Amino acid sequence: MACRRCGQVKQERLAFLADTPFYTKRFTFYVGRRCRASPIRDVAKELRLDWHTVKALEQQYMRAQLRRAGTPGPRVIGLDEVSIKKGHTYRIVVSDLIRHRPIWFGGTDRSEASLDQFYAGLGPRKAARIRLVVMDMWKPFRLATARHAPQASILFDKFHVLRHLGDALDQVRKSEYARVSGRQRRFIKGQKYTLLAHRENLTLSGRRALTTLLAANKRLNTAYLLKESFGQLWDYGREGWARRFFEHWRAALKWQRLRPYEQFAAMIERHWEGIAAYCRPENKIALGFVEGLNNKIRVLQRRAYGLRDEEYLRLKILTCMLPEI
């Protein structure tokens, strides 16, 4: 507007306008809500807007969500890495496991220095309030946590532990397939998913194939039963009982010639403190949220295929669990 008193042209900020002055905040929030369930291209086609305009409006909406959520002060956090492109390019995702939402996404890789950026942004006061950190068996995560939050207990994620056991079973399967011949090989070939899946998740035909497979090879039967029984380790309420179960499980490997399983047992022995921490009552939390968030991030990446804007991906991840506004 032109000021009659001073003769200059001035701009007035109106509360109902968005950061882009051609649209109102109410319309910006509508576009943001639509983009939570639909790709940008579909929303742009529906509203007859430019693709870049819809993306800018959605980013304004997501930043408003983060402002309303406030700064995090977590007590229990989960650490995980996510691949954002080919060539082993990783970023770190930190989640608040009590409020069930991601609170930080960044870094340049999955190194100790990248996780230091999270603790530096959190501050020493809030870092001192963290009592539990859930992570996989990645050494840089342990070192950074021990330096910035030494009072926090470290708990290794059950999913990643069982994934190592699944890899050991797969190595046994491949060695048995290379060793046997003829009729037994026909039962082993193509049965990787049947062996790695839980029995309750198999269909009727899958259970029949599993029964035939285990009857054809004794060592595979032993390896499969040991894999199924190891999940009981997280059912114990006291560390002594859990330790006794692990010792019995490890003793069952004797004379079985299961070299991958012996290596897995040695790895569990080295990281026992982070696994036994789950036996404490105050550490009984949902361990599946970290991996569930990782799967949700993969869905967001597929929906945003072709986008190379990392800031947009960061906003998408940090707001995927926040309520609509």
Protein backbone atom coordinates (compact mmCIF):
# COMPACT_ATOMS: atom_id res chain seq x y z
CA MET A 1 0.00 0.00 0.00
CA ALA A 2 1.07 3.61 -0.61
CA CYS A 3 1.42 5.63 2.57
CA ARG A 4 -0.12 9.10 2.25
CA ARG A 5 1.95 10.49 5.10
CA CYS A 6 5.46 9.54 3.97
CA GLY A 7 4.79 8.78 0.31
CA GLN A 8 6.47 5.35 0.42
CA VAL A 9 5.09 1.94 -0.56
CA LYS A 10 4.80 -0.40 2.43
CA GLN A 11 3.75 -4.02 2.90
CA GLU A 12 1.35 -5.14 5.60
CA ARG A 13 1.40 -8.66 7.04
CA LEU A 14 -2.07 -10.19 7.43
CA ALA A 15 -2.57 -13.00 9.96
CA PHE A 16 -4.76 -15.10 7.67
CA LEU A 17 -2.16 -15.21 4.84
CA ALA A 18 0.40 -17.98 4.52
CA ASP A 19 4.11 -17.45 3.96
CA THR A 20 3.24 -17.40 0.25
CA PRO A 21 1.00 -14.30 0.12
CA PHE A 22 -1.09 -15.60 -2.79
CA TYR A 23 -2.77 -18.19 -0.53
CA THR A 24 -4.44 -18.20 2.87
CA LYS A 25 -3.35 -20.32 5.82
CA ARG A 26 -6.58 -22.29 5.71
CA PHE A 27 -5.93 -23.27 2.10
CA THR A 28 -2.30 -24.11 2.93
CA PHE A 29 -3.41 -26.44 5.72
CA TYR A 30 -5.92 -28.06 3.36
CA VAL A 31 -3.17 -28.75 0.82
CA GLY A 32 -0.94 -30.15 3.57
CA ARG A 33 -3.65 -32.50 4.80
CA ARG A 34 -4.28 -33.74 1.26
CA CYS A 35 -0.56 -34.38 0.74
CA ARG A 36 -0.44 -36.62 3.81
CA ALA A 37 -2.43 -39.24 1.91
CA SER A 38 -1.70 -38.44 -1.76
CA PRO A 39 1.39 -37.65 -3.85
CA ILE A 40 2.17 -34.05 -4.77
CA ARG A 41 1.44 -34.65 -8.45
CA ASP A 42 -2.11 -35.90 -7.75
CA VAL A 43 -2.89 -32.98 -5.42
CA ALA A 44 -1.54 -30.48 -7.97
CA LYS A 45 -3.70 -32.02 -10.69
CA GLU A 46 -6.79 -31.97 -8.49
CA LEU A 47 -6.37 -28.34 -7.41
CA ARG A 48 -5.01 -27.19 -10.79
CA LEU A 49 -1.87 -25.77 -9.29
CA ASP A 50 1.76 -25.97 -10.24
CA TRP A 51 3.71 -28.92 -8.81
CA HIS A 52 6.26 -26.65 -7.13
CA THR A 53 3.49 -24.55 -5.58
CA VAL A 54 1.91 -27.58 -3.92
CA LYS A 55 5.28 -28.71 -2.62
CA ALA A 56 5.99 -25.26 -1.12
CA LEU A 57 2.55 -25.14 0.54
CA GLU A 58 3.03 -28.61 2.00
CA GLN A 59 6.39 -27.62 3.46
CA GLN A 60 4.77 -24.62 5.14
CA TYR A 61 2.14 -26.94 6.59
CA MET A 62 4.74 -29.39 7.94
CA ARG A 63 6.78 -26.59 9.53
CA ALA A 64 3.62 -25.40 11.26
CA GLN A 65 3.12 -28.92 12.59
CA LEU A 66 6.63 -28.96 14.04
CA ARG A 67 6.15 -25.56 15.67
CA ARG A 68 2.96 -26.76 17.30
CA ALA A 69 4.63 -29.98 18.54
CA GLY A 70 7.36 -28.00 20.32
CA THR A 71 10.95 -28.90 21.09
CA PRO A 72 11.50 -32.52 22.17
CA GLY A 73 12.71 -33.56 25.61
CA PRO A 74 12.77 -37.37 25.36
CA ARG A 75 13.37 -39.88 28.15
CA VAL A 76 13.53 -43.02 25.97
CA ILE A 77 14.92 -42.78 22.43
CA GLY A 78 15.45 -45.20 19.55
CA LEU A 79 18.36 -44.92 17.10
CA ASP A 80 18.36 -46.31 13.59
CA GLU A 81 19.87 -45.54 10.20
CA VAL A 82 17.99 -45.24 6.93
CA SER A 83 19.32 -45.37 3.39
CA ILE A 84 18.28 -42.36 1.30
CA LYS A 85 19.96 -43.30 -2.00
CA LYS A 86 22.24 -45.85 -3.60
CA GLY A 87 25.90 -46.10 -2.70
CA HIS A 88 25.52 -46.65 1.06
CA THR A 89 24.28 -43.13 1.76
CA TYR A 90 22.74 -43.16 5.22
CA ARG A 91 21.05 -40.75 7.58
CA ILE A 92 20.25 -41.25 11.26
CA VAL A 93 16.70 -41.24 12.61
CA VAL A 94 16.06 -40.63 16.32
CA SER A 95 12.63 -41.46 17.77
CA ASP A 96 10.88 -40.70 21.03
CA LEU A 97 9.66 -44.16 22.06
CA ILE A 98 7.29 -42.85 24.73
CA ARG A 99 5.45 -40.39 22.51
CA HIS A 100 5.93 -42.62 19.45
CA ARG A 101 7.21 -40.06 16.99
CA PRO A 102 10.52 -39.24 15.25
CA ILE A 103 12.27 -36.20 16.67
CA TRP A 104 15.47 -35.88 14.60
CA PHE A 105 16.67 -36.77 11.11
CA GLY A 106 20.08 -35.80 9.84
CA GLY A 107 23.80 -36.34 9.83
CA THR A 108 25.97 -37.14 6.85
CA ASP A 109 26.30 -40.88 7.46
CA ARG A 110 25.85 -43.32 10.35
CA SER A 111 29.10 -42.39 12.07
CA GLU A 112 29.72 -41.25 15.61
CA ALA A 113 30.20 -37.66 14.45
CA SER A 114 26.75 -37.62 12.82
CA LEU A 115 25.05 -38.76 16.02
CA ASP A 116 27.00 -36.09 17.91
CA GLN A 117 24.99 -33.53 15.95
CA PHE A 118 21.77 -34.81 17.53
CA TYR A 119 23.12 -34.64 21.07
CA ALA A 120 24.60 -31.20 20.40
CA GLY A 121 21.22 -29.93 19.22
CA LEU A 122 19.45 -31.57 22.16
CA GLY A 123 21.77 -29.95 24.67
CA PRO A 124 23.50 -31.40 27.74
CA ARG A 125 20.55 -30.63 30.03
CA LYS A 126 18.05 -32.68 28.04
CA ALA A 127 20.64 -35.36 27.21
CA ALA A 128 21.11 -35.92 30.95
CA ARG A 129 17.39 -36.79 31.25
CA ILE A 130 17.59 -39.71 28.81
CA ARG A 131 17.32 -42.98 30.74
CA LEU A 132 17.17 -45.59 27.94
CA VAL A 133 18.50 -45.78 24.37
CA VAL A 134 17.33 -48.53 21.98
CA MET A 135 19.70 -49.25 19.09
CA ASP A 136 21.21 -51.98 16.98
CA MET A 137 24.69 -53.37 17.61
CA TRP A 138 26.44 -50.50 15.84
CA LYS A 139 29.56 -49.39 17.70
CA PRO A 140 29.49 -45.63 16.76
CA PHE A 141 26.00 -45.35 18.29
CA ARG A 142 27.21 -46.87 21.55
CA LEU A 143 30.28 -44.64 21.75
CA ALA A 144 28.36 -41.42 21.07
CA THR A 145 25.67 -42.33 23.61
CA ALA A 146 28.21 -43.26 26.27
CA ARG A 147 29.91 -39.87 25.85
CA HIS A 148 26.85 -37.61 25.78
CA ALA A 149 24.40 -39.60 27.95
CA PRO A 150 26.46 -41.87 30.21
CA GLN A 151 23.56 -42.32 32.65
CA ALA A 152 21.36 -43.95 29.97
CA SER A 153 20.99 -47.71 29.71
CA ILE A 154 21.62 -49.23 26.28
CA LEU A 155 19.14 -51.79 24.95
CA PHE A 156 19.71 -53.64 21.70
CA ASP A 157 16.72 -53.93 19.42
CA LYS A 158 15.20 -57.42 19.33
CA PHE A 159 14.50 -57.19 15.60
CA HIS A 160 18.16 -56.63 14.72
CA VAL A 161 19.31 -59.44 17.03
CA LEU A 162 16.90 -61.91 15.43
CA ARG A 163 17.92 -60.70 12.00
CA HIS A 164 21.48 -61.83 12.73
CA LEU A 165 20.08 -65.21 13.77
CA GLY A 166 18.09 -65.38 10.54
CA ASP A 167 21.27 -64.70 8.57
CA ALA A 168 22.96 -67.56 10.44
CA LEU A 169 20.09 -69.90 9.55
CA ASP A 170 20.36 -68.83 5.91
CA GLN A 171 24.07 -69.71 5.92
CA VAL A 172 23.22 -73.16 7.30
CA ARG A 173 20.61 -73.60 4.59
CA LYS A 174 23.09 -72.71 1.84
CA SER A 175 25.75 -75.02 3.24
CA GLU A 176 23.28 -77.90 3.44
CA TYR A 177 22.11 -77.24 -0.11
CA ALA A 178 25.72 -77.42 -1.32
CA ARG A 179 26.39 -80.59 0.68
CA VAL A 180 23.40 -82.80 -0.13
CA SER A 181 22.38 -84.02 -3.54
CA GLY A 182 19.51 -85.68 -5.34
CA ARG A 183 16.14 -85.92 -3.63
CA GLN A 184 17.13 -83.95 -0.49
CA ARG A 185 18.29 -80.97 -2.56
CA ARG A 186 14.84 -80.72 -4.12
CA PHE A 187 13.32 -80.06 -0.69
CA ILE A 188 15.89 -77.40 0.29
CA LYS A 189 15.90 -75.33 -2.92
CA GLY A 190 13.61 -72.30 -2.86
CA GLN A 191 12.64 -72.68 0.83
CA LYS A 192 14.43 -69.65 2.25
CA TYR A 193 11.27 -67.79 3.30
CA THR A 194 9.75 -70.96 4.72
CA LEU A 195 12.70 -71.36 7.05
CA LEU A 196 13.11 -67.72 8.08
CA ALA A 197 9.41 -67.02 8.73
CA HIS A 198 7.64 -67.87 11.97
CA ARG A 199 5.45 -70.92 11.78
CA GLU A 200 2.27 -69.01 12.68
CA ASN A 201 2.85 -66.69 9.71
CA LEU A 202 2.96 -69.53 7.17
CA THR A 203 0.00 -70.70 5.13
CA LEU A 204 -1.19 -74.31 5.15
CA SER A 205 0.89 -75.17 2.09
CA GLY A 206 3.89 -73.40 3.68
CA ARG A 207 3.59 -75.49 6.84
CA ARG A 208 3.41 -78.68 4.80
CA ALA A 209 6.54 -77.63 2.90
CA LEU A 210 8.28 -76.86 6.19
CA THR A 211 7.42 -80.29 7.59
CA THR A 212 8.75 -81.99 4.46
CA LEU A 213 11.89 -79.86 4.49
CA LEU A 214 12.75 -80.53 8.13
CA ALA A 215 12.08 -84.24 7.77
CA ALA A 216 14.51 -84.40 4.85
CA ASN A 217 17.42 -82.78 6.71
CA LYS A 218 18.19 -83.25 10.39
CA ARG A 219 20.65 -80.36 10.71
CA LEU A 220 18.18 -77.90 9.20
CA ASN A 221 15.56 -79.19 11.62
CA THR A 222 17.87 -78.54 14.56
CA ALA A 223 18.80 -75.06 13.26
CA TYR A 224 15.14 -74.14 12.74
CA LEU A 225 14.09 -75.27 16.23
CA LEU A 226 16.96 -73.35 17.81
CA LYS A 227 15.96 -70.22 15.90
CA GLU A 228 12.32 -70.51 17.01
CA SER A 229 13.21 -71.07 20.65
CA PHE A 230 15.68 -68.15 20.90
CA GLY A 231 12.83 -65.61 20.91
CA GLN A 232 11.92 -66.74 24.45
CA LEU A 233 14.94 -64.78 25.72
CA TRP A 234 12.87 -61.58 25.81
CA ASP A 235 10.07 -63.19 27.85
CA TYR A 236 12.01 -63.40 31.12
CA GLY A 237 11.57 -60.86 33.88
CA ARG A 238 14.92 -61.39 35.56
CA GLU A 239 18.40 -61.36 34.14
CA GLY A 240 19.41 -64.56 35.95
CA TRP A 241 16.62 -66.55 34.32
CA ALA A 242 17.45 -65.08 30.92
CA ARG A 243 21.11 -65.95 31.39
CA ARG A 244 20.25 -69.53 32.35
CA PHE A 245 18.11 -69.90 29.24
CA PHE A 246 20.90 -68.58 27.02
CA GLU A 247 23.43 -70.99 28.56
CA HIS A 248 21.11 -73.94 27.88
CA TRP A 249 20.51 -72.68 24.33
CA ARG A 250 24.23 -72.35 23.75
CA ALA A 251 24.88 -75.82 25.20
CA ALA A 252 22.42 -77.28 22.65
CA LEU A 253 24.84 -76.23 19.87
CA LYS A 254 27.41 -78.77 21.05
CA TRP A 255 28.16 -81.50 18.48
CA GLN A 256 25.70 -79.92 16.01
CA ARG A 257 28.40 -78.50 13.69
CA LEU A 258 26.48 -75.27 13.21
CA ARG A 259 29.35 -72.84 12.79
CA PRO A 260 27.17 -69.75 11.98
CA TYR A 261 25.15 -70.37 15.15
CA GLU A 262 28.31 -70.58 17.23
CA GLN A 263 29.43 -67.21 15.85
CA PHE A 264 26.00 -65.77 16.65
CA ALA A 265 26.21 -67.08 20.24
CA ALA A 266 29.64 -65.46 20.62
CA MET A 267 28.20 -62.14 19.40
CA ILE A 268 25.38 -62.37 21.96
CA GLU A 269 27.96 -63.04 24.68
CA ARG A 270 29.87 -59.89 23.73
CA HIS A 271 26.71 -57.75 23.77
CA TRP A 272 24.94 -59.48 26.66
CA GLU A 273 24.56 -56.37 28.82
CA GLY A 274 22.56 -54.54 26.14
CA ILE A 275 20.25 -57.54 25.64
CA ALA A 276 19.72 -58.36 29.33
CA ALA A 277 18.68 -54.74 29.98
CA TYR A 278 15.22 -55.66 28.69
CA CYS A 279 14.68 -57.84 31.79
CA ARG A 280 14.38 -54.75 33.99
CA PRO A 281 10.75 -53.66 34.50
CA GLU A 282 11.47 -50.00 33.66
CA ASN A 283 12.84 -51.05 30.25
CA LYS A 284 9.76 -52.93 29.10
CA ILE A 285 8.89 -50.83 26.05
CA ALA A 286 7.60 -51.57 22.57
CA LEU A 287 10.68 -52.53 20.55
CA GLY A 288 8.89 -52.71 17.21
CA PHE A 289 8.35 -48.97 16.77
CA VAL A 290 11.88 -48.28 15.49
CA GLU A 291 11.62 -50.85 12.71
CA GLY A 292 8.01 -49.88 11.97
CA LEU A 293 9.14 -46.29 11.46
CA ASN A 294 11.85 -47.52 9.11
CA ASN A 295 9.22 -49.26 6.99
CA LYS A 296 7.08 -46.10 6.97
CA ILE A 297 10.08 -44.09 5.74
CA ARG A 298 10.49 -46.50 2.83
CA VAL A 299 6.85 -45.90 1.90
CA LEU A 300 7.44 -42.14 1.98
CA GLN A 301 10.50 -42.57 -0.25
CA ARG A 302 8.54 -44.58 -2.81
CA ARG A 303 5.75 -41.99 -2.84
CA ALA A 304 8.30 -39.18 -3.32
CA TYR A 305 10.26 -41.06 -5.99
CA GLY A 306 12.31 -38.63 -8.08
CA LEU A 307 12.57 -35.91 -5.42
CA ARG A 308 16.12 -35.01 -4.45
CA ASP A 309 15.20 -32.48 -1.79
CA GLU A 310 16.53 -33.86 1.50
CA GLU A 311 14.88 -31.08 3.50
CA TYR A 312 11.50 -32.17 2.15
CA LEU A 313 12.25 -35.78 3.19
CA ARG A 314 13.29 -34.57 6.65
CA LEU A 315 10.01 -32.70 7.13
CA LYS A 316 8.02 -35.69 5.88
CA ILE A 317 9.69 -38.03 8.38
CA LEU A 318 9.43 -35.70 11.37
CA THR A 319 5.71 -35.03 10.77
CA CYS A 320 4.53 -38.49 9.72
CA MET A 321 3.34 -39.28 13.29
CA LEU A 322 2.07 -35.81 14.23
CA PRO A 323 -1.68 -35.04 14.28
CA GLU A 324 -3.26 -32.98 11.54
CA ILE A 325 -3.86 -29.24 11.97
